Amino acid sequence: MKEIFISIIILLCAIPAGYLLKNLTKEELKPGKKYFKIIWVVSLTFAVISFILPINLIMKQTLIFSLSFISIVSFISWKS
């Protein structure tokens, strides 16, 4: 239970990380918006697919939280 709580806190850190990335790289975001959209779609798709994969629980949680972190950061950067 403690690991899930820590993972959720780290996942919530994706929100300020996305805004930090958006604010620090404003010039690079305009030509890279399509790439952030692609990264968002791919990471969200793989996060959903990983629910179905028959892998052990620790690996599944790590995969889902990592891909969710990436999708949150790229979504915030894409929607700037």
N, C-alpha and C. Protein backbone atom coordinates (compact mmCIF):
# COMPACT_ATOMS: atom_id res chain seq x y z
N MET A 1 0.82 -1.19 0.00
CA MET A 1 0.00 0.00 0.00
C MET A 1 0.87 1.26 0.00
N LYS A 2 1.98 1.21 0.73
CA LYS A 2 2.88 2.34 0.80
C LYS A 2 3.47 2.66 -0.57
N GLU A 3 3.75 1.63 -1.37
CA GLU A 3 4.33 1.84 -2.70
C GLU A 3 3.35 2.53 -3.63
N ILE A 4 2.08 2.19 -3.53
CA ILE A 4 1.07 2.82 -4.37
C ILE A 4 0.92 4.29 -3.99
N PHE A 5 0.95 4.59 -2.70
CA PHE A 5 0.84 5.98 -2.24
C PHE A 5 2.00 6.81 -2.77
N ILE A 6 3.21 6.27 -2.70
CA ILE A 6 4.39 6.97 -3.20
C ILE A 6 4.29 7.13 -4.72
N SER A 7 3.80 6.12 -5.41
CA SER A 7 3.65 6.21 -6.87
C SER A 7 2.65 7.29 -7.26
N ILE A 8 1.57 7.41 -6.50
CA ILE A 8 0.57 8.44 -6.78
C ILE A 8 1.15 9.83 -6.55
N ILE A 9 1.94 9.99 -5.51
CA ILE A 9 2.58 11.28 -5.25
C ILE A 9 3.53 11.63 -6.39
N ILE A 10 4.30 10.66 -6.84
CA ILE A 10 5.21 10.91 -7.96
C ILE A 10 4.42 11.22 -9.23
N LEU A 11 3.30 10.53 -9.42
CA LEU A 11 2.46 10.80 -10.58
C LEU A 11 1.88 12.21 -10.53
N LEU A 12 1.54 12.68 -9.36
CA LEU A 12 1.04 14.05 -9.22
C LEU A 12 2.14 15.08 -9.50
N CYS A 13 3.39 14.69 -9.34
CA CYS A 13 4.50 15.59 -9.66
C CYS A 13 4.64 15.81 -11.16
N ALA A 14 3.94 15.02 -11.97
CA ALA A 14 3.98 15.20 -13.42
C ALA A 14 3.31 16.51 -13.82
N ILE A 15 2.35 16.97 -13.04
CA ILE A 15 1.65 18.21 -13.38
C ILE A 15 2.60 19.40 -13.31
N PRO A 16 3.30 19.63 -12.19
CA PRO A 16 4.25 20.75 -12.21
C PRO A 16 5.41 20.53 -13.18
N ALA A 17 5.80 19.28 -13.40
CA ALA A 17 6.87 19.02 -14.37
C ALA A 17 6.45 19.40 -15.78
N GLY A 18 5.19 19.13 -16.12
CA GLY A 18 4.69 19.52 -17.43
C GLY A 18 4.64 21.02 -17.60
N TYR A 19 4.18 21.73 -16.57
CA TYR A 19 4.13 23.19 -16.65
C TYR A 19 5.53 23.79 -16.66
N LEU A 20 6.46 23.19 -15.94
CA LEU A 20 7.84 23.66 -15.96
C LEU A 20 8.44 23.48 -17.35
N LEU A 21 8.21 22.32 -17.95
CA LEU A 21 8.70 22.08 -19.30
C LEU A 21 8.08 23.05 -20.29
N LYS A 22 6.80 23.32 -20.12
CA LYS A 22 6.10 24.25 -21.01
C LYS A 22 6.67 25.66 -20.89
N ASN A 23 6.94 26.10 -19.68
CA ASN A 23 7.43 27.46 -19.48
C ASN A 23 8.90 27.65 -19.85
N LEU A 24 9.70 26.62 -19.68
CA LEU A 24 11.13 26.75 -19.97
C LEU A 24 11.47 26.58 -21.45
N THR A 25 10.58 25.94 -22.21
CA THR A 25 10.89 25.64 -23.61
C THR A 25 9.81 26.15 -24.55
N LYS A 26 9.40 27.40 -24.40
CA LYS A 26 8.32 27.94 -25.22
C LYS A 26 8.67 27.96 -26.70
N GLU A 27 9.91 28.29 -27.05
CA GLU A 27 10.29 28.37 -28.47
C GLU A 27 10.30 26.99 -29.13
N GLU A 28 10.70 25.98 -28.39
CA GLU A 28 10.79 24.64 -28.96
C GLU A 28 9.44 23.94 -29.01
N LEU A 29 8.47 24.40 -28.24
CA LEU A 29 7.18 23.72 -28.19
C LEU A 29 6.37 23.92 -29.47
N LYS A 30 6.49 25.05 -30.10
CA LYS A 30 5.68 25.30 -31.30
C LYS A 30 5.96 24.29 -32.41
N PRO A 31 7.22 24.06 -32.80
CA PRO A 31 7.44 23.05 -33.84
C PRO A 31 7.29 21.62 -33.33
N GLY A 32 7.35 21.41 -32.03
CA GLY A 32 7.29 20.06 -31.49
C GLY A 32 5.93 19.62 -30.98
N LYS A 33 4.88 20.42 -31.21
CA LYS A 33 3.56 20.07 -30.69
C LYS A 33 3.06 18.74 -31.23
N LYS A 34 3.32 18.46 -32.50
CA LYS A 34 2.84 17.20 -33.06
C LYS A 34 3.53 16.01 -32.40
N TYR A 35 4.79 16.20 -32.01
CA TYR A 35 5.51 15.11 -31.35
C TYR A 35 4.99 14.87 -29.94
N PHE A 36 4.63 15.94 -29.23
CA PHE A 36 4.04 15.77 -27.92
C PHE A 36 2.70 15.07 -28.01
N LYS A 37 1.94 15.36 -29.06
CA LYS A 37 0.66 14.68 -29.24
C LYS A 37 0.87 13.20 -29.52
N ILE A 38 1.86 12.88 -30.34
CA ILE A 38 2.18 11.48 -30.64
C ILE A 38 2.64 10.76 -29.38
N ILE A 39 3.52 11.40 -28.60
CA ILE A 39 4.00 10.79 -27.35
C ILE A 39 2.84 10.57 -26.39
N TRP A 40 1.92 11.54 -26.32
CA TRP A 40 0.77 11.41 -25.43
C TRP A 40 -0.10 10.23 -25.84
N VAL A 41 -0.41 10.12 -27.12
CA VAL A 41 -1.28 9.03 -27.60
C VAL A 41 -0.61 7.67 -27.38
N VAL A 42 0.67 7.57 -27.72
CA VAL A 42 1.37 6.29 -27.60
C VAL A 42 1.51 5.87 -26.14
N SER A 43 1.89 6.78 -25.27
CA SER A 43 2.07 6.40 -23.86
C SER A 43 0.74 6.08 -23.20
N LEU A 44 -0.31 6.79 -23.54
CA LEU A 44 -1.62 6.49 -22.99
C LEU A 44 -2.13 5.14 -23.50
N THR A 45 -1.90 4.87 -24.77
CA THR A 45 -2.31 3.58 -25.35
C THR A 45 -1.58 2.43 -24.69
N PHE A 46 -0.27 2.56 -24.53
CA PHE A 46 0.49 1.49 -23.89
C PHE A 46 0.13 1.34 -22.40
N ALA A 47 -0.23 2.42 -21.74
CA ALA A 47 -0.66 2.32 -20.34
C ALA A 47 -1.94 1.52 -20.24
N VAL A 48 -2.87 1.74 -21.16
CA VAL A 48 -4.12 0.99 -21.16
C VAL A 48 -3.88 -0.47 -21.54
N ILE A 49 -3.01 -0.70 -22.52
CA ILE A 49 -2.69 -2.08 -22.93
C ILE A 49 -2.01 -2.84 -21.81
N SER A 50 -1.22 -2.15 -21.01
CA SER A 50 -0.49 -2.84 -19.94
C SER A 50 -1.44 -3.40 -18.87
N PHE A 51 -2.67 -2.89 -18.79
CA PHE A 51 -3.65 -3.51 -17.90
C PHE A 51 -3.96 -4.93 -18.33
N ILE A 52 -3.91 -5.19 -19.62
CA ILE A 52 -4.28 -6.50 -20.18
C ILE A 52 -3.12 -7.48 -20.16
N LEU A 53 -1.90 -6.97 -20.21
CA LEU A 53 -0.72 -7.83 -20.30
C LEU A 53 -0.60 -8.75 -19.09
N PRO A 54 -0.26 -10.02 -19.33
CA PRO A 54 -0.08 -10.95 -18.22
C PRO A 54 1.33 -10.88 -17.63
N ILE A 55 1.64 -9.80 -16.95
CA ILE A 55 2.95 -9.65 -16.31
C ILE A 55 2.73 -9.51 -14.80
N ASN A 56 3.80 -9.65 -14.05
CA ASN A 56 3.65 -9.59 -12.59
C ASN A 56 3.21 -8.19 -12.14
N LEU A 57 2.68 -8.12 -10.95
CA LEU A 57 2.05 -6.91 -10.45
C LEU A 57 3.02 -5.74 -10.32
N ILE A 58 4.21 -5.97 -9.80
CA ILE A 58 5.18 -4.89 -9.61
C ILE A 58 5.56 -4.30 -10.96
N MET A 59 5.82 -5.14 -11.93
CA MET A 59 6.19 -4.66 -13.26
C MET A 59 5.03 -3.92 -13.91
N LYS A 60 3.83 -4.41 -13.72
CA LYS A 60 2.65 -3.76 -14.29
C LYS A 60 2.43 -2.38 -13.69
N GLN A 61 2.56 -2.26 -12.38
CA GLN A 61 2.37 -0.97 -11.72
C GLN A 61 3.43 0.03 -12.17
N THR A 62 4.66 -0.43 -12.26
CA THR A 62 5.75 0.44 -12.70
C THR A 62 5.51 0.92 -14.12
N LEU A 63 5.10 0.03 -14.99
CA LEU A 63 4.85 0.38 -16.37
C LEU A 63 3.69 1.37 -16.50
N ILE A 64 2.61 1.11 -15.79
CA ILE A 64 1.44 1.99 -15.87
C ILE A 64 1.75 3.37 -15.32
N PHE A 65 2.40 3.45 -14.17
CA PHE A 65 2.70 4.75 -13.59
C PHE A 65 3.73 5.52 -14.42
N SER A 66 4.71 4.85 -14.97
CA SER A 66 5.71 5.53 -15.80
C SER A 66 5.08 6.09 -17.07
N LEU A 67 4.27 5.27 -17.73
CA LEU A 67 3.61 5.75 -18.94
C LEU A 67 2.59 6.84 -18.64
N SER A 68 1.94 6.75 -17.50
CA SER A 68 1.00 7.81 -17.11
C SER A 68 1.73 9.12 -16.84
N PHE A 69 2.88 9.04 -16.19
CA PHE A 69 3.69 10.24 -15.95
C PHE A 69 4.07 10.90 -17.27
N ILE A 70 4.54 10.10 -18.22
CA ILE A 70 4.92 10.62 -19.52
C ILE A 70 3.73 11.23 -20.24
N SER A 71 2.58 10.57 -20.15
CA SER A 71 1.41 11.10 -20.86
C SER A 71 0.91 12.40 -20.24
N ILE A 72 0.98 12.54 -18.93
CA ILE A 72 0.56 13.79 -18.28
C ILE A 72 1.48 14.94 -18.67
N VAL A 73 2.78 14.71 -18.61
CA VAL A 73 3.75 15.76 -18.97
C VAL A 73 3.58 16.15 -20.43
N SER A 74 3.45 15.18 -21.32
CA SER A 74 3.32 15.52 -22.74
C SER A 74 1.98 16.16 -23.04
N PHE A 75 0.91 15.79 -22.33
CA PHE A 75 -0.39 16.42 -22.54
C PHE A 75 -0.36 17.89 -22.15
N ILE A 76 0.24 18.18 -21.01
CA ILE A 76 0.33 19.58 -20.56
C ILE A 76 1.18 20.38 -21.52
N SER A 77 2.27 19.81 -22.01
CA SER A 77 3.13 20.52 -22.94
C SER A 77 2.45 20.68 -24.30
N TRP A 78 1.68 19.68 -24.72
CA TRP A 78 1.00 19.73 -26.02
C TRP A 78 -0.13 20.75 -26.01
N LYS A 79 -0.84 20.87 -24.92
CA LYS A 79 -1.98 21.76 -24.84
C LYS A 79 -1.60 23.19 -24.49
N SER A 80 -0.34 23.54 -24.61
CA SER A 80 0.07 24.90 -24.26
C SER A 80 -0.29 25.90 -25.33
